[in-house]
C-alpha atoms as a PDB file:
ATOM      1  CA  MET A   1     -38.898  -7.907  -9.757  1.00  0.00           C
ATOM      2  CA  PHE A   2     -35.489  -6.257 -10.227  1.00  0.00           C
ATOM      3  CA  GLY A   3     -35.870  -4.469 -13.544  1.00  0.00           C
ATOM      4  CA  PRO A   4     -36.051  -7.214 -16.200  1.00  0.00           C
ATOM      5  CA  PHE A   5     -34.536  -9.660 -13.692  1.00  0.00           C
ATOM      6  CA  ARG A   6     -36.214 -11.754 -11.024  1.00  0.00           C
ATOM      7  CA  ASP A   7     -33.608 -10.804  -8.408  1.00  0.00           C
ATOM      8  CA  GLU A   8     -30.062  -9.516  -7.926  1.00  0.00           C
ATOM      9  CA  LEU A   9     -28.632 -12.986  -8.381  1.00  0.00           C
ATOM     10  CA  GLU A  10     -29.915 -13.038 -11.958  1.00  0.00           C
ATOM     11  CA  PHE A  11     -28.417  -9.589 -12.527  1.00  0.00           C
ATOM     12  CA  PHE A  12     -25.161 -10.888 -11.029  1.00  0.00           C
ATOM     13  CA  ARG A  13     -25.076 -13.614 -13.677  1.00  0.00           C
ATOM     14  CA  LEU A  14     -25.555 -10.977 -16.374  1.00  0.00           C
ATOM     15  CA  LEU A  15     -22.541  -9.032 -15.074  1.00  0.00           C
ATOM     16  CA  GLU A  16     -20.455 -12.188 -15.048  1.00  0.00           C
ATOM     17  CA  ASP A  17     -21.540 -13.607 -18.400  1.00  0.00           C
ATOM     18  CA  LYS A  18     -22.181 -10.588 -20.611  1.00  0.00           C
ATOM     19  CA  TYR A  19     -19.666  -8.085 -19.243  1.00  0.00           C
ATOM     20  CA  HIS A  20     -17.061 -10.442 -17.771  1.00  0.00           C
ATOM     21  CA  SER A  21     -17.349  -8.314 -14.657  1.00  0.00           C
ATOM     22  CA  GLY A  22     -16.313  -9.790 -11.345  1.00  0.00           C
ATOM     23  CA  ALA A  23     -18.885  -9.436  -8.581  1.00  0.00           C
ATOM     24  CA  ASP A  24     -19.174 -10.571  -4.991  1.00  0.00           C
ATOM     25  CA  VAL A  25     -22.440 -11.574  -3.373  1.00  0.00           C
ATOM     26  CA  SER A  26     -23.146 -11.847   0.328  1.00  0.00           C
ATOM     27  CA  ASP A  27     -24.743 -14.852   2.003  1.00  0.00           C
ATOM     28  CA  ASP A  28     -28.211 -13.501   1.282  1.00  0.00           C
ATOM     29  CA  TYR A  29     -27.313 -13.148  -2.431  1.00  0.00           C
ATOM     30  CA  HIS A  30     -27.104  -9.372  -2.427  1.00  0.00           C
ATOM     31  CA  ILE A  31     -24.361  -7.969  -4.664  1.00  0.00           C
ATOM     32  CA  THR A  32     -21.832  -6.146  -2.479  1.00  0.00           C
ATOM     33  CA  GLU A  33     -18.892  -5.547  -4.856  1.00  0.00           C
ATOM     34  CA  VAL A  34     -18.539  -5.090  -8.618  1.00  0.00           C
ATOM     35  CA  ASP A  35     -15.520  -4.919 -10.939  1.00  0.00           C
ATOM     36  CA  LEU A  36     -16.322  -2.769 -13.974  1.00  0.00           C
ATOM     37  CA  ARG A  37     -14.043  -4.043 -16.738  1.00  0.00           C
ATOM     38  CA  GLU A  38     -16.371  -3.174 -19.618  1.00  0.00           C
ATOM     39  CA  LEU A  39     -18.904  -0.406 -20.142  1.00  0.00           C
ATOM     40  CA  LEU A  40     -22.397  -1.435 -19.078  1.00  0.00           C
ATOM     41  CA  SER A  41     -25.325  -0.468 -21.236  1.00  0.00           C
ATOM     42  CA  PRO A  42     -27.283   2.557 -19.915  1.00  0.00           C
ATOM     43  CA  GLN A  43     -30.097   0.240 -18.837  1.00  0.00           C
ATOM     44  CA  ASP A  44     -27.788  -2.128 -16.969  1.00  0.00           C
ATOM     45  CA  PHE A  45     -25.932   0.752 -15.320  1.00  0.00           C
ATOM     46  CA  ASP A  46     -29.287   2.066 -14.115  1.00  0.00           C
ATOM     47  CA  LEU A  47     -29.806  -1.268 -12.384  1.00  0.00           C
ATOM     48  CA  LEU A  48     -26.295  -1.262 -10.973  1.00  0.00           C
ATOM     49  CA  VAL A  49     -26.751   2.027  -9.141  1.00  0.00           C
ATOM     50  CA  ARG A  50     -29.965   0.691  -7.584  1.00  0.00           C
ATOM     51  CA  LEU A  51     -28.292  -2.293  -5.916  1.00  0.00           C
ATOM     52  CA  PRO A  52     -29.219  -1.852  -2.226  1.00  0.00           C
ATOM     53  CA  GLN A  53     -26.191  -3.636  -0.743  1.00  0.00           C
ATOM     54  CA  LEU A  54     -23.517  -2.401  -3.163  1.00  0.00           C
ATOM     55  CA  ARG A  55     -20.577  -1.037  -1.154  1.00  0.00           C
ATOM     56  CA  HIS A  56     -17.446  -1.600  -3.269  1.00  0.00           C
ATOM     57  CA  VAL A  57     -16.870  -0.543  -6.895  1.00  0.00           C
ATOM     58  CA  ASN A  58     -13.678  -1.097  -8.879  1.00  0.00           C
ATOM     59  CA  ILE A  59     -13.438   0.767 -12.203  1.00  0.00           C
ATOM     60  CA  PHE A  60     -10.894  -0.668 -14.632  1.00  0.00           C
ATOM     61  CA  CYS A  61     -12.325   0.680 -17.894  1.00  0.00           C
ATOM     62  CA  ASN A  62     -11.557   4.102 -19.419  1.00  0.00           C
ATOM     63  CA  ASP A  63     -15.054   4.269 -20.915  1.00  0.00           C
ATOM     64  CA  TYR A  64     -16.419   5.210 -17.509  1.00  0.00           C
ATOM     65  CA  THR A  65     -16.651   8.975 -17.105  1.00  0.00           C
ATOM     66  CA  GLU A  66     -17.325  11.442 -14.311  1.00  0.00           C
ATOM     67  CA  LYS A  67     -21.041  11.171 -15.090  1.00  0.00           C
ATOM     68  CA  HIS A  68     -20.931   7.458 -14.245  1.00  0.00           C
ATOM     69  CA  LEU A  69     -18.846   8.055 -11.143  1.00  0.00           C
ATOM     70  CA  LEU A  70     -21.163  10.627  -9.610  1.00  0.00           C
ATOM     71  CA  ARG A  71     -24.198   8.381 -10.168  1.00  0.00           C
ATOM     72  CA  LEU A  72     -22.804   5.575  -8.025  1.00  0.00           C
ATOM     73  CA  PRO A  73     -24.691   4.908  -4.753  1.00  0.00           C
ATOM     74  CA  LYS A  74     -24.248   7.335  -1.866  1.00  0.00           C
ATOM     75  CA  LEU A  75     -23.623   4.455   0.538  1.00  0.00           C
ATOM     76  CA  LEU A  76     -20.457   3.192  -1.146  1.00  0.00           C
ATOM     77  CA  THR A  77     -17.629   2.559   1.308  1.00  0.00           C
ATOM     78  CA  SER A  78     -14.874   1.617  -1.160  1.00  0.00           C
ATOM     79  CA  LEU A  79     -13.799   2.938  -4.568  1.00  0.00           C
ATOM     80  CA  SER A  80     -10.948   1.890  -6.826  1.00  0.00           C
ATOM     81  CA  SER A  81     -10.655   3.824 -10.078  1.00  0.00           C
ATOM     82  CA  SER A  82      -8.067   3.765 -12.850  1.00  0.00           C
ATOM     83  CA  SER A  83     -10.167   5.457 -15.533  1.00  0.00           C
ATOM     84  CA  ASN A  84      -8.390   8.247 -17.416  1.00  0.00           C
ATOM     85  CA  SER A  85     -11.782   9.779 -18.200  1.00  0.00           C
ATOM     86  CA  ILE A  86     -12.356  10.802 -14.593  1.00  0.00           C
ATOM     87  CA  SER A  87     -10.794  13.942 -13.147  1.00  0.00           C
ATOM     88  CA  LEU A  88      -9.256  14.395  -9.735  1.00  0.00           C
ATOM     89  CA  GLN A  89     -11.780  17.164  -9.066  1.00  0.00           C
ATOM     90  CA  ALA A  90     -14.662  14.756  -9.737  1.00  0.00           C
ATOM     91  CA  ILE A  91     -13.106  12.196  -7.409  1.00  0.00           C
ATOM     92  CA  GLY A  92     -12.951  14.859  -4.704  1.00  0.00           C
ATOM     93  CA  LYS A  93     -16.633  15.684  -5.174  1.00  0.00           C
ATOM     94  CA  PHE A  94     -17.525  11.995  -5.160  1.00  0.00           C
ATOM     95  CA  CYS A  95     -15.621  11.392  -1.900  1.00  0.00           C
ATOM     96  CA  ALA A  96     -17.200  14.395  -0.184  1.00  0.00           C
ATOM     97  CA  GLU A  97     -20.649  12.823  -0.577  1.00  0.00           C
ATOM     98  CA  ARG A  98     -19.898   9.240   0.535  1.00  0.00           C
ATOM     99  CA  PRO A  99     -18.636   7.472   3.684  1.00  0.00           C
ATOM    100  CA  LEU A 100     -15.595   5.917   2.030  1.00  0.00           C
ATOM    101  CA  THR A 101     -13.254   3.845   4.175  1.00  0.00           C
ATOM    102  CA  GLU A 102     -11.036   2.761   1.246  1.00  0.00           C
ATOM    103  CA  LEU A 103      -9.919   4.797  -1.771  1.00  0.00           C
ATOM    104  CA  SER A 104      -7.565   3.777  -4.590  1.00  0.00           C
ATOM    105  CA  ILE A 105      -7.054   6.138  -7.534  1.00  0.00           C
ATOM    106  CA  SER A 106      -4.794   6.198 -10.586  1.00  0.00           C
ATOM    107  CA  GLY A 107      -4.948   7.348 -14.206  1.00  0.00           C
ATOM    108  CA  PHE A 108      -7.113  10.325 -13.285  1.00  0.00           C
ATOM    109  CA  THR A 109      -6.968  13.605 -15.200  1.00  0.00           C
ATOM    110  CA  GLY A 110      -6.423  17.023 -13.662  1.00  0.00           C
ATOM    111  CA  ASP A 111      -3.532  18.740 -11.968  1.00  0.00           C
ATOM    112  CA  SER A 112      -2.239  16.543  -9.146  1.00  0.00           C
ATOM    113  CA  MET A 113       0.102  19.390  -8.101  1.00  0.00           C
ATOM    114  CA  ASN A 114      -2.795  21.771  -7.432  1.00  0.00           C
ATOM    115  CA  PRO A 115      -3.200  21.940  -3.626  1.00  0.00           C
ATOM    116  CA  GLU A 116      -6.938  22.554  -3.896  1.00  0.00           C
ATOM    117  CA  ASN A 117      -7.476  19.242  -5.633  1.00  0.00           C
ATOM    118  CA  TRP A 118      -6.446  17.343  -2.488  1.00  0.00           C
ATOM    119  CA  SER A 119      -8.276  19.414   0.126  1.00  0.00           C
ATOM    120  CA  PHE A 120     -11.189  16.936   0.158  1.00  0.00           C
ATOM    121  CA  LEU A 121      -9.049  14.454   2.093  1.00  0.00           C
ATOM    122  CA  THR A 122      -9.312  16.400   5.333  1.00  0.00           C
ATOM    123  CA  GLU A 123     -13.104  15.970   5.219  1.00  0.00           C
ATOM    124  CA  MET A 124     -13.022  12.188   4.774  1.00  0.00           C
ATOM    125  CA  LEU A 125     -13.944  11.327   8.330  1.00  0.00           C
ATOM    126  CA  VAL A 126     -13.896   7.506   8.060  1.00  0.00           C
ATOM    127  CA  LEU A 127     -11.173   6.916   5.435  1.00  0.00           C
ATOM    128  CA  SER A 128      -8.769   4.224   6.691  1.00  0.00           C
ATOM    129  CA  GLU A 129      -6.839   3.098   3.567  1.00  0.00           C
ATOM    130  CA  MET A 130      -5.695   5.081   0.529  1.00  0.00           C
ATOM    131  CA  ASP A 131      -3.662   4.169  -2.576  1.00  0.00           C
ATOM    132  CA  VAL A 132      -2.509   6.867  -4.994  1.00  0.00           C
ATOM    133  CA  GLU A 133      -0.663   6.381  -8.274  1.00  0.00           C
ATOM    134  CA  CYS A 134       0.422   9.480 -10.175  1.00  0.00           C
ATOM    135  CA  GLN A 135       3.546  11.199 -11.472  1.00  0.00           C
ATOM    136  CA  SER A 136       3.749  14.169  -9.083  1.00  0.00           C
ATOM    137  CA  LEU A 137       2.520  15.140  -5.627  1.00  0.00           C
ATOM    138  CA  PRO A 138       2.615  18.519  -3.847  1.00  0.00           C
ATOM    139  CA  ALA A 139       3.342  19.257  -0.209  1.00  0.00           C
ATOM    140  CA  ALA A 140      -0.363  20.017   0.176  1.00  0.00           C
ATOM    141  CA  TYR A 141      -1.151  16.358  -0.503  1.00  0.00           C
ATOM    142  CA  PHE A 142       0.788  15.228   2.566  1.00  0.00           C
ATOM    143  CA  SER A 143      -0.680  18.015   4.618  1.00  0.00           C
ATOM    144  CA  SER A 144      -4.248  16.994   3.699  1.00  0.00           C
ATOM    145  CA  ALA A 145      -3.699  13.228   3.864  1.00  0.00           C
ATOM    146  CA  SER A 146      -2.033  13.390   7.266  1.00  0.00           C
ATOM    147  CA  LYS A 147      -5.001  15.365   8.598  1.00  0.00           C
ATOM    148  CA  ALA A 148      -7.530  12.738   7.550  1.00  0.00           C
ATOM    149  CA  PRO A 149      -8.700  11.774  11.050  1.00  0.00           C
ATOM    150  CA  THR A 150      -8.868   7.987  10.593  1.00  0.00           C
ATOM    151  CA  LEU A 151      -6.329   7.279   7.809  1.00  0.00           C
ATOM    152  CA  ARG A 152      -4.233   4.301   8.914  1.00  0.00           C
ATOM    153  CA  LYS A 153      -2.663   2.992   5.693  1.00  0.00           C
ATOM    154  CA  LEU A 154      -1.223   5.032   2.809  1.00  0.00           C
ATOM    155  CA  THR A 155       0.379   3.617  -0.355  1.00  0.00           C
ATOM    156  CA  LEU A 156       2.043   5.770  -3.038  1.00  0.00           C
ATOM    157  CA  ALA A 157       3.084   4.352  -6.420  1.00  0.00           C
ATOM    158  CA  HIS A 158       5.057   5.584  -9.439  1.00  0.00           C
ATOM    159  CA  VAL A 159       5.591   9.065  -8.043  1.00  0.00           C
ATOM    160  CA  GLU A 160       8.579  10.535  -9.874  1.00  0.00           C
ATOM    161  CA  HIS A 161       8.390  14.015  -8.392  1.00  0.00           C
ATOM    162  CA  PHE A 162       7.533  15.232  -4.908  1.00  0.00           C
ATOM    163  CA  ASP A 163       7.162  18.934  -4.270  1.00  0.00           C
ATOM    164  CA  ARG A 164      10.257  20.487  -2.701  1.00  0.00           C
ATOM    165  CA  GLN A 165      10.263  19.677   1.015  1.00  0.00           C
ATOM    166  CA  ALA A 166       6.980  17.868   0.449  1.00  0.00           C
ATOM    167  CA  PHE A 167       7.229  15.783   3.584  1.00  0.00           C
ATOM    168  CA  ASP A 168       7.647  18.874   5.771  1.00  0.00           C
ATOM    169  CA  ALA A 169       3.886  19.329   5.435  1.00  0.00           C
ATOM    170  CA  VAL A 170       3.123  16.089   7.294  1.00  0.00           C
ATOM    171  CA  SER A 171       1.051  16.665  10.392  1.00  0.00           C
ATOM    172  CA  GLY A 172       2.345  15.282  13.680  1.00  0.00           C
ATOM    173  CA  GLU A 173      -1.253  14.515  14.679  1.00  0.00           C
ATOM    174  CA  SER A 174      -1.661  11.951  11.893  1.00  0.00           C
ATOM    175  CA  PRO A 175      -2.983   8.524  12.951  1.00  0.00           C
ATOM    176  CA  LEU A 176      -1.081   6.881  10.053  1.00  0.00           C
ATOM    177  CA  GLN A 177       0.259   3.439  10.957  1.00  0.00           C
ATOM    178  CA  GLU A 178       1.482   2.091   7.608  1.00  0.00           C
ATOM    179  CA  LEU A 179       3.278   3.972   4.823  1.00  0.00           C
ATOM    180  CA  ALA A 180       4.424   2.350   1.559  1.00  0.00           C
ATOM    181  CA  PHE A 181       6.302   3.660  -1.485  1.00  0.00           C
ATOM    182  CA  PHE A 182       6.295   1.575  -4.691  1.00  0.00           C
ATOM    183  CA  ASP A 183       8.403   2.655  -7.681  1.00  0.00           C
ATOM    184  CA  CYS A 184       8.835   6.170  -6.302  1.00  0.00           C
ATOM    185  CA  PRO A 185      12.310   7.417  -7.360  1.00  0.00           C
ATOM    186  CA  GLY A 186      11.277  10.889  -6.205  1.00  0.00           C
ATOM    187  CA  VAL A 187      11.785   9.762  -2.609  1.00  0.00           C
ATOM    188  CA  MET A 188      15.550   9.914  -3.115  1.00  0.00           C
ATOM    189  CA  LYS A 189      15.442  13.627  -3.910  1.00  0.00           C
ATOM    190  CA  ASN A 190      13.730  14.708  -0.703  1.00  0.00           C
ATOM    191  CA  ASP A 191      14.559  15.010   2.966  1.00  0.00           C
ATOM    192  CA  LEU A 192      12.530  12.372   4.785  1.00  0.00           C
ATOM    193  CA  SER A 193      13.305  13.555   8.312  1.00  0.00           C
ATOM    194  CA  ALA A 194       9.875  15.212   8.691  1.00  0.00           C
ATOM    195  CA  LEU A 195       8.232  11.778   8.389  1.00  0.00           C
ATOM    196  CA  SER A 196       9.466  11.179  11.934  1.00  0.00           C
ATOM    197  CA  ARG A 197       6.474  13.246  13.006  1.00  0.00           C
ATOM    198  CA  LEU A 198       4.276  10.237  12.243  1.00  0.00           C
ATOM    199  CA  LYS A 199       4.409   9.025  15.831  1.00  0.00           C
ATOM    200  CA  GLN A 200       1.993   6.122  15.331  1.00  0.00           C
ATOM    201  CA  LEU A 201       3.749   4.678  12.267  1.00  0.00           C
ATOM    202  CA  ASN A 202       4.778   1.048  12.767  1.00  0.00           C
ATOM    203  CA  VAL A 203       5.063  -0.267   9.177  1.00  0.00           C
ATOM    204  CA  LEU A 204       7.296   1.300   6.502  1.00  0.00           C
ATOM    205  CA  LEU A 205       7.944  -0.062   2.994  1.00  0.00           C
ATOM    206  CA  PHE A 206      10.184   1.036   0.114  1.00  0.00           C
ATOM    207  CA  VAL A 207       9.956  -1.079  -3.068  1.00  0.00           C
ATOM    208  CA  ARG A 208      12.085  -0.181  -6.116  1.00  0.00           C
ATOM    209  CA  CYS A 209      12.770   3.355  -4.884  1.00  0.00           C
ATOM    210  CA  GLY A 210      16.584   3.290  -5.133  1.00  0.00           C
ATOM    211  CA  ASN A 211      19.135   3.336  -2.338  1.00  0.00           C
ATOM    212  CA  VAL A 212      17.113   5.017   0.403  1.00  0.00           C
ATOM    213  CA  ALA A 213      19.569   3.966   3.140  1.00  0.00           C
ATOM    214  CA  ARG A 214      20.920   7.467   3.677  1.00  0.00           C
ATOM    215  CA  CYS A 215      17.391   8.891   3.673  1.00  0.00           C
ATOM    216  CA  LEU A 216      16.506   6.473   6.459  1.00  0.00           C
ATOM    217  CA  GLN A 217      19.376   7.747   8.581  1.00  0.00           C
ATOM    218  CA  SER A 218      17.390  10.917   9.241  1.00  0.00           C
ATOM    219  CA  LEU A 219      14.332   9.049  10.528  1.00  0.00           C
ATOM    220  CA  ARG A 220      13.600   8.293  14.179  1.00  0.00           C
ATOM    221  CA  TYR A 221      10.761   5.871  14.898  1.00  0.00           C
ATOM    222  CA  THR A 222      10.266   4.670  18.439  1.00  0.00           C
ATOM    223  CA  ASP A 223       7.349   2.364  17.595  1.00  0.00           C
ATOM    224  CA  LEU A 224       8.291   1.092  14.115  1.00  0.00           C
ATOM    225  CA  THR A 225       8.008  -2.696  14.143  1.00  0.00           C
ATOM    226  CA  TYR A 226       8.164  -3.605  10.423  1.00  0.00           C
ATOM    227  CA  LEU A 227      10.582  -2.339   7.771  1.00  0.00           C
ATOM    228  CA  LEU A 228      10.637  -3.724   4.221  1.00  0.00           C
ATOM    229  CA  ILE A 229      13.046  -2.643   1.502  1.00  0.00           C
ATOM    230  CA  GLU A 230      13.263  -4.228  -1.938  1.00  0.00           C
ATOM    231  CA  ASP A 231      15.693  -2.701  -4.413  1.00  0.00           C
ATOM    232  CA  ASP A 232      18.810  -3.838  -6.270  1.00  0.00           C
ATOM    233  CA  GLU A 233      20.501  -0.518  -5.453  1.00  0.00           C
ATOM    234  CA  PHE A 234      19.922  -0.550  -1.716  1.00  0.00           C
ATOM    235  CA  VAL A 235      23.172  -0.812   0.274  1.00  0.00           C
ATOM    236  CA  SER A 236      22.427  -2.487   3.594  1.00  0.00           C
ATOM    237  CA  ALA A 237      25.793  -1.483   5.049  1.00  0.00           C
ATOM    238  CA  GLU A 238      24.430   2.063   5.284  1.00  0.00           C
ATOM    239  CA  LEU A 239      21.344   1.015   7.266  1.00  0.00           C
ATOM    240  CA  GLU A 240      21.457   1.556  11.035  1.00  0.00           C
ATOM    241  CA  LEU A 241      18.784   0.026  13.221  1.00  0.00           C
ATOM    242  CA  GLN A 242      19.347   2.056  16.371  1.00  0.00           C
ATOM    243  CA  ASN A 243      16.831   4.584  15.028  1.00  0.00           C
ATOM    244  CA  PHE A 244      14.151   1.871  15.222  1.00  0.00           C
ATOM    245  CA  PRO A 245      14.384   0.492  18.787  1.00  0.00           C
ATOM    246  CA  SER A 246      11.156  -1.545  18.494  1.00  0.00           C
ATOM    247  CA  LEU A 247      11.835  -3.136  15.091  1.00  0.00           C
ATOM    248  CA  ARG A 248      10.773  -6.795  15.073  1.00  0.00           C
ATOM    249  CA  THR A 249      10.613  -7.565  11.333  1.00  0.00           C
ATOM    250  CA  LEU A 250      13.206  -6.551   8.751  1.00  0.00           C
ATOM    251  CA  GLN A 251      12.881  -7.603   5.109  1.00  0.00           C
ATOM    252  CA  LEU A 252      15.756  -6.776   2.761  1.00  0.00           C
ATOM    253  CA  ASN A 253      14.912  -8.469  -0.527  1.00  0.00           C
ATOM    254  CA  ARG A 254      16.959  -8.010  -3.705  1.00  0.00           C
ATOM    255  CA  CYS A 255      19.241  -5.696  -1.744  1.00  0.00           C
ATOM    256  CA  LYS A 256      23.022  -5.542  -1.375  1.00  0.00           C
ATOM    257  CA  VAL A 257      23.296  -7.529   1.854  1.00  0.00           C
ATOM    258  CA  THR A 258      26.525  -9.169   3.045  1.00  0.00           C
ATOM    259  CA  ASP A 259      27.240 -11.775   5.699  1.00  0.00           C
ATOM    260  CA  ALA A 260      28.613  -8.978   7.870  1.00  0.00           C
ATOM    261  CA  ASP A 261      25.336  -7.066   7.504  1.00  0.00           C
ATOM    262  CA  LEU A 262      23.417 -10.156   8.559  1.00  0.00           C
ATOM    263  CA  GLU A 263      25.546 -10.547  11.675  1.00  0.00           C
ATOM    264  CA  ARG A 264      25.129  -6.878  12.573  1.00  0.00           C
ATOM    265  CA  PHE A 265      21.350  -6.894  12.137  1.00  0.00           C
ATOM    266  CA  SER A 266      21.010 -10.079  14.200  1.00  0.00           C
ATOM    267  CA  ASN A 267      22.431  -8.180  17.177  1.00  0.00           C
ATOM    268  CA  HIS A 268      19.399  -5.866  17.209  1.00  0.00           C
ATOM    269  CA  GLY A 269      17.678  -7.080  20.385  1.00  0.00           C
ATOM    270  CA  PRO A 270      13.966  -6.772  19.458  1.00  0.00           C
ATOM    271  CA  LEU A 271      14.380  -8.329  15.980  1.00  0.00           C
ATOM    272  CA  ARG A 272      12.486 -11.609  15.527  1.00  0.00           C
ATOM    273  CA  HIS A 273      12.083 -11.984  11.740  1.00  0.00           C
ATOM    274  CA  LEU A 274      14.773 -11.274   9.138  1.00  0.00           C
ATOM    275  CA  THR A 275      14.272 -11.893   5.415  1.00  0.00           C
ATOM    276  CA  VAL A 276      17.046 -11.670   2.809  1.00  0.00           C
ATOM    277  CA  HIS A 277      15.552 -13.111  -0.379  1.00  0.00           C
ATOM    278  CA  ASN A 278      17.610 -12.754  -3.583  1.00  0.00           C
ATOM    279  CA  THR A 279      20.746 -11.528  -1.835  1.00  0.00           C
ATOM    280  CA  SER A 280      24.331 -12.786  -1.618  1.00  0.00           C
ATOM    281  CA  VAL A 281      24.061 -13.861   2.028  1.00  0.00           C
ATOM    282  CA  SER A 282      25.608 -17.312   2.489  1.00  0.00           C
ATOM    283  CA  ILE A 283      24.043 -20.347   4.130  1.00  0.00           C
ATOM    284  CA  SER A 284      26.992 -20.632   6.485  1.00  0.00           C
ATOM    285  CA  ALA A 285      26.392 -17.095   7.739  1.00  0.00           C
ATOM    286  CA  ILE A 286      22.727 -17.887   8.359  1.00  0.00           C
ATOM    287  CA  VAL A 287      23.671 -21.075  10.229  1.00  0.00           C
ATOM    288  CA  ALA A 288      26.043 -19.120  12.449  1.00  0.00           C
ATOM    289  CA  VAL A 289      23.451 -16.448  13.195  1.00  0.00           C
ATOM    290  CA  VAL A 290      20.592 -18.803  14.069  1.00  0.00           C
ATOM    291  CA  GLU A 291      22.879 -20.794  16.331  1.00  0.00           C
ATOM    292  CA  LYS A 292      23.842 -17.596  18.127  1.00  0.00           C
ATOM    293  CA  ASN A 293      20.380 -16.002  18.279  1.00  0.00           C
ATOM    294  CA  LYS A 294      17.795 -18.643  19.172  1.00  0.00           C
ATOM    295  CA  LYS A 295      14.908 -16.145  18.992  1.00  0.00           C
ATOM    296  CA  LEU A 296      15.510 -15.045  15.400  1.00  0.00           C
ATOM    297  CA  ILE A 297      13.711 -16.532  12.382  1.00  0.00           C
ATOM    298  CA  ILE A 298      15.598 -16.031   9.109  1.00  0.00           C
ATOM    299  CA  CYS A 299      14.356 -16.568   5.578  1.00  0.00           C
ATOM    300  CA  GLY A 300      17.467 -16.748   3.417  1.00  0.00           C
ATOM    301  CA  PRO A 301      18.183 -16.368  -0.292  1.00  0.00           C
ATOM    302  CA  GLU A 302      17.840 -20.091  -0.954  1.00  0.00           C
ATOM    303  CA  ASP A 303      14.452 -20.426   0.732  1.00  0.00           C
ATOM    304  CA  ILE A 304      11.339 -20.793  -1.366  1.00  0.00           C
ATOM    305  CA  LEU A 305       9.163 -20.429   1.709  1.00  0.00           C
ATOM    306  CA  SER A 306       7.185 -17.342   2.588  1.00  0.00           C
ATOM    307  CA  ALA A 307       8.656 -14.688   4.837  1.00  0.00           C
ATOM    308  CA  TRP A 308       6.794 -16.094   7.829  1.00  0.00           C
ATOM    309  CA  GLU A 309       8.004 -19.671   7.236  1.00  0.00           C
ATOM    310  CA  GLY A 310      11.694 -18.904   7.404  1.00  0.00           C
ATOM    311  CA  ARG A 311      14.329 -21.098   8.987  1.00  0.00           C
ATOM    312  CA  HIS A 312      14.457 -21.144  12.749  1.00  0.00           C
ATOM    313  CA  HIS A 313      17.386 -22.661  14.606  1.00  0.00           C
ATOM    314  CA  LYS A 314      15.217 -25.726  15.282  1.00  0.00           C
ATOM    315  CA  ASP A 315      14.403 -26.186  11.578  1.00  0.00           C
ATOM    316  CA  TRP A 316      17.888 -26.604  10.168  1.00  0.00           C
ATOM    317  CA  ASP A 317      18.316 -30.064   8.712  1.00  0.00           C
ATOM    318  CA  PRO A 318      21.983 -31.140   8.343  1.00  0.00           C
ATOM    319  CA  LYS A 319      21.034 -33.319   5.383  1.00  0.00           C
ATOM    320  CA  TYR A 320      19.568 -30.270   3.627  1.00  0.00           C
ATOM    321  CA  LEU A 321      22.738 -28.234   4.229  1.00  0.00           C
ATOM    322  CA  LYS A 322      24.878 -30.886   2.547  1.00  0.00           C
ATOM    323  CA  GLU A 323      22.818 -30.894  -0.648  1.00  0.00           C
END
């Protein structure tokens, strides 16, 4: 017996029906992941923390407090929390006691600019992916995050203010491979040149961060293979690709891209995929480029296909072009 239930599958149905809480079960019917969208009763929460195969918890409800957080199983490997009743200090304590490989936090209380509140990151020995959404971040955050020994993917969202010279604290020993900024206007106010220390970085994204073209001029990435920029203010004429000699994929969506920019980018030898959704690039310019560069796949502004189903020189249909 599992509490008042015959097994975990029956408890799974309770989570789905009574609490409208999403849950995943493995092939042997053990519950492995739970979405907490409503507050469970004390009795049901007691059962939740006893689930033997539970590894992933996503907290979407502000009714969950630090007391709930710290009672979650010690074997959790993934946490996503947006509760504004949980402090950053409590999250640090929680992480120090569990083998988390994925961590996503937002809405937390506490001073995000206090260096001590981020020191727990250096002790997360198996953390591979981290998402952070908050208003401000100190230099100490980048120092601690870049020293996490297995962190491969880092996403920052809605950061309006970075500590002065925040990126100077990035460690050159970081194993980080993917770095993404979403809605982070604070990026424009800082010197990004220190990010060049991230020698293993091969994916870089800027989404709705403003015209970061001049910031990118200070970066040098030998191994960067993927660059995505999406912003109405981004001026592609200011982007130079010689700093990224291994770049194979370039996505410039909703950016200020001209036919001349397209021609210039197509001359970058390693480039194999170029996406220019929602730009003013003309079909005729794309036709000319794909005829010239047989190895390049382009997804243009008129395409409704995904970035990886763009138009290759073999795919152009003359009948389509006349429509």
